[in-house]
Amino acid sequence: MSILDEYYEESELAALLKKSKRTVGDRYTKLLRNPLPFLKLGNRKLFHKETTRAWLRSLERKANPGRAAGRRGRGQ
């Protein structure tokens, strides 16, 4: 077991999310309002597995029942 077993490699995370390595490495870590934390080790970006899961959970959105009801009522 390695100390790095708790981390995703950039390419591994990209494959899991079905996104390009560039999207994960640039967009998710730099351009978002709530960027994905990472560890820079030399020229490698590593993503802690539990931190990444927590980050994904933080992106979840709740449905707005008032908005959905308003849309249904328009066509009637």
N, C-alpha and C. Protein backbone atom coordinates (compact mmCIF):
# COMPACT_ATOMS: atom_id res chain seq x y z
N MET A 1 0.84 -1.18 0.00
CA MET A 1 0.00 0.00 0.00
C MET A 1 0.88 1.25 0.00
N SER A 2 0.51 2.20 -0.84
CA SER A 2 1.26 3.45 -0.97
C SER A 2 0.48 4.59 -0.33
N ILE A 3 1.17 5.58 0.11
CA ILE A 3 0.52 6.76 0.68
C ILE A 3 -0.34 7.47 -0.38
N LEU A 4 -0.02 7.27 -1.63
CA LEU A 4 -0.75 7.92 -2.72
C LEU A 4 -1.99 7.14 -3.16
N ASP A 5 -2.27 6.01 -2.51
CA ASP A 5 -3.46 5.23 -2.85
C ASP A 5 -4.75 6.00 -2.56
N GLU A 6 -4.66 7.00 -1.70
CA GLU A 6 -5.84 7.80 -1.34
C GLU A 6 -6.11 8.91 -2.35
N TYR A 7 -5.33 8.95 -3.43
CA TYR A 7 -5.45 10.02 -4.42
C TYR A 7 -5.75 9.47 -5.80
N TYR A 8 -6.49 10.27 -6.57
CA TYR A 8 -6.70 9.99 -8.00
C TYR A 8 -5.63 10.73 -8.78
N GLU A 9 -5.10 10.08 -9.79
CA GLU A 9 -4.27 10.77 -10.77
C GLU A 9 -5.23 11.60 -11.63
N GLU A 10 -4.72 12.64 -12.23
CA GLU A 10 -5.55 13.52 -13.07
C GLU A 10 -6.26 12.74 -14.19
N SER A 11 -5.54 11.87 -14.86
CA SER A 11 -6.13 11.10 -15.96
C SER A 11 -7.15 10.08 -15.44
N GLU A 12 -6.90 9.53 -14.27
CA GLU A 12 -7.82 8.57 -13.66
C GLU A 12 -9.14 9.25 -13.30
N LEU A 13 -9.05 10.43 -12.70
CA LEU A 13 -10.26 11.17 -12.33
C LEU A 13 -11.02 11.60 -13.58
N ALA A 14 -10.31 12.03 -14.59
CA ALA A 14 -10.94 12.43 -15.85
C ALA A 14 -11.73 11.26 -16.44
N ALA A 15 -11.15 10.08 -16.42
CA ALA A 15 -11.82 8.89 -16.95
C ALA A 15 -13.07 8.56 -16.12
N LEU A 16 -12.97 8.66 -14.80
CA LEU A 16 -14.12 8.37 -13.94
C LEU A 16 -15.27 9.35 -14.18
N LEU A 17 -14.93 10.61 -14.41
CA LEU A 17 -15.94 11.65 -14.64
C LEU A 17 -16.38 11.74 -16.11
N LYS A 18 -15.70 10.98 -16.95
CA LYS A 18 -15.95 11.00 -18.40
C LYS A 18 -15.78 12.42 -18.96
N LYS A 19 -14.68 13.03 -18.53
CA LYS A 19 -14.28 14.36 -18.98
C LYS A 19 -12.85 14.28 -19.47
N SER A 20 -12.43 15.31 -20.19
CA SER A 20 -11.05 15.32 -20.66
C SER A 20 -10.12 15.67 -19.50
N LYS A 21 -8.88 15.28 -19.65
CA LYS A 21 -7.86 15.58 -18.65
C LYS A 21 -7.72 17.10 -18.51
N ARG A 22 -7.85 17.80 -19.61
CA ARG A 22 -7.75 19.27 -19.59
C ARG A 22 -8.91 19.90 -18.81
N THR A 23 -10.12 19.35 -18.96
CA THR A 23 -11.27 19.87 -18.22
C THR A 23 -11.04 19.72 -16.73
N VAL A 24 -10.58 18.56 -16.31
CA VAL A 24 -10.33 18.31 -14.88
C VAL A 24 -9.18 19.19 -14.40
N GLY A 25 -8.09 19.19 -15.12
CA GLY A 25 -6.88 19.90 -14.68
C GLY A 25 -6.96 21.40 -14.75
N ASP A 26 -7.72 21.93 -15.69
CA ASP A 26 -7.79 23.39 -15.84
C ASP A 26 -9.12 23.95 -15.35
N ARG A 27 -10.20 23.50 -15.95
CA ARG A 27 -11.50 24.10 -15.63
C ARG A 27 -11.92 23.83 -14.18
N TYR A 28 -11.83 22.59 -13.76
CA TYR A 28 -12.31 22.25 -12.41
C TYR A 28 -11.40 22.79 -11.31
N THR A 29 -10.13 22.99 -11.59
CA THR A 29 -9.21 23.45 -10.54
C THR A 29 -8.94 24.95 -10.59
N LYS A 30 -9.33 25.63 -11.66
CA LYS A 30 -9.00 27.05 -11.78
C LYS A 30 -10.20 27.95 -12.05
N LEU A 31 -11.10 27.52 -12.91
CA LEU A 31 -12.10 28.43 -13.44
C LEU A 31 -13.44 28.45 -12.72
N LEU A 32 -13.70 27.47 -11.90
CA LEU A 32 -14.98 27.42 -11.21
C LEU A 32 -14.97 28.30 -9.97
N ARG A 33 -16.16 28.75 -9.56
CA ARG A 33 -16.28 29.56 -8.35
C ARG A 33 -15.83 28.76 -7.13
N ASN A 34 -16.10 27.47 -7.14
CA ASN A 34 -15.71 26.57 -6.06
C ASN A 34 -14.76 25.52 -6.67
N PRO A 35 -13.47 25.85 -6.81
CA PRO A 35 -12.55 24.94 -7.52
C PRO A 35 -12.27 23.65 -6.76
N LEU A 36 -11.95 22.63 -7.52
CA LEU A 36 -11.61 21.32 -6.97
C LEU A 36 -10.20 21.37 -6.37
N PRO A 37 -10.07 21.08 -5.06
CA PRO A 37 -8.73 21.09 -4.44
C PRO A 37 -7.85 19.97 -5.01
N PHE A 38 -6.57 20.24 -5.08
CA PHE A 38 -5.64 19.23 -5.58
C PHE A 38 -4.28 19.40 -4.91
N LEU A 39 -3.48 18.37 -5.05
CA LEU A 39 -2.12 18.36 -4.53
C LEU A 39 -1.19 18.37 -5.74
N LYS A 40 -0.27 19.31 -5.77
CA LYS A 40 0.69 19.38 -6.86
C LYS A 40 1.96 18.69 -6.39
N LEU A 41 2.34 17.65 -7.06
CA LEU A 41 3.53 16.88 -6.72
C LEU A 41 4.40 16.83 -7.97
N GLY A 42 5.38 17.70 -8.03
CA GLY A 42 6.17 17.83 -9.25
C GLY A 42 5.29 18.40 -10.34
N ASN A 43 5.20 17.71 -11.45
CA ASN A 43 4.32 18.17 -12.53
C ASN A 43 2.99 17.40 -12.54
N ARG A 44 2.70 16.68 -11.46
CA ARG A 44 1.47 15.89 -11.37
C ARG A 44 0.45 16.58 -10.47
N LYS A 45 -0.82 16.50 -10.86
CA LYS A 45 -1.91 16.95 -10.02
C LYS A 45 -2.59 15.70 -9.48
N LEU A 46 -2.73 15.65 -8.15
CA LEU A 46 -3.37 14.53 -7.49
C LEU A 46 -4.59 15.04 -6.73
N PHE A 47 -5.64 14.24 -6.71
CA PHE A 47 -6.90 14.63 -6.12
C PHE A 47 -7.27 13.63 -5.03
N HIS A 48 -7.35 14.10 -3.79
CA HIS A 48 -7.70 13.23 -2.67
C HIS A 48 -9.11 12.68 -2.90
N LYS A 49 -9.28 11.40 -2.77
CA LYS A 49 -10.54 10.75 -3.12
C LYS A 49 -11.71 11.28 -2.30
N GLU A 50 -11.56 11.36 -0.98
CA GLU A 50 -12.68 11.82 -0.15
C GLU A 50 -12.97 13.30 -0.37
N THR A 51 -11.93 14.10 -0.55
CA THR A 51 -12.13 15.53 -0.83
C THR A 51 -12.84 15.71 -2.16
N THR A 52 -12.49 14.90 -3.14
CA THR A 52 -13.14 14.97 -4.45
C THR A 52 -14.61 14.59 -4.33
N ARG A 53 -14.92 13.56 -3.56
CA ARG A 53 -16.32 13.18 -3.35
C ARG A 53 -17.10 14.30 -2.67
N ALA A 54 -16.49 14.92 -1.67
CA ALA A 54 -17.14 16.03 -0.96
C ALA A 54 -17.36 17.21 -1.91
N TRP A 55 -16.39 17.48 -2.78
CA TRP A 55 -16.51 18.56 -3.76
C TRP A 55 -17.67 18.27 -4.71
N LEU A 56 -17.77 17.04 -5.17
CA LEU A 56 -18.88 16.67 -6.05
C LEU A 56 -20.22 16.84 -5.35
N ARG A 57 -20.29 16.43 -4.08
CA ARG A 57 -21.53 16.62 -3.30
C ARG A 57 -21.88 18.10 -3.17
N SER A 58 -20.87 18.95 -3.06
CA SER A 58 -21.11 20.39 -2.91
C SER A 58 -21.71 21.00 -4.18
N LEU A 59 -21.58 20.30 -5.29
CA LEU A 59 -22.13 20.81 -6.56
C LEU A 59 -23.59 20.42 -6.77
N GLU A 60 -24.10 19.54 -5.92
CA GLU A 60 -25.48 19.10 -6.07
C GLU A 60 -26.42 20.29 -5.90
N ARG A 61 -27.48 20.27 -6.69
CA ARG A 61 -28.48 21.33 -6.62
C ARG A 61 -29.79 20.74 -6.21
N LYS A 62 -30.52 21.50 -5.44
CA LYS A 62 -31.84 21.06 -5.02
C LYS A 62 -32.86 21.59 -6.01
N ALA A 63 -33.90 20.79 -6.24
CA ALA A 63 -34.97 21.21 -7.12
C ALA A 63 -35.70 22.39 -6.49
N ASN A 64 -36.18 23.27 -7.33
CA ASN A 64 -36.96 24.41 -6.86
C ASN A 64 -38.42 24.11 -7.18
N PRO A 65 -39.19 23.60 -6.22
CA PRO A 65 -40.57 23.19 -6.49
C PRO A 65 -41.44 24.33 -7.00
N GLY A 66 -41.22 25.54 -6.55
CA GLY A 66 -41.99 26.69 -7.01
C GLY A 66 -41.78 26.95 -8.49
N ARG A 67 -40.59 26.82 -8.94
CA ARG A 67 -40.27 27.06 -10.35
C ARG A 67 -40.90 25.98 -11.23
N ALA A 68 -40.82 24.73 -10.81
CA ALA A 68 -41.40 23.63 -11.59
C ALA A 68 -42.91 23.78 -11.68
N ALA A 69 -43.54 24.18 -10.60
CA ALA A 69 -45.00 24.35 -10.60
C ALA A 69 -45.40 25.50 -11.51
N GLY A 70 -44.60 26.55 -11.52
CA GLY A 70 -44.88 27.69 -12.39
C GLY A 70 -44.82 27.33 -13.85
N ARG A 71 -43.91 26.49 -14.22
CA ARG A 71 -43.77 26.08 -15.62
C ARG A 71 -44.96 25.22 -16.06
N ARG A 72 -45.42 24.34 -15.17
CA ARG A 72 -46.55 23.49 -15.51
C ARG A 72 -47.81 24.31 -15.73
N GLY A 73 -47.96 25.36 -14.95
CA GLY A 73 -49.17 26.16 -15.03
C GLY A 73 -49.26 27.07 -16.23
N ARG A 74 -48.16 27.32 -16.92
CA ARG A 74 -48.15 28.27 -18.04
C ARG A 74 -49.01 27.84 -19.21
N GLY A 75 -48.94 26.58 -19.55
CA GLY A 75 -49.61 26.11 -20.76
C GLY A 75 -51.09 25.83 -20.55
N GLN A 76 -51.58 25.97 -19.35
CA GLN A 76 -52.97 25.60 -19.09
C GLN A 76 -53.88 26.78 -19.19
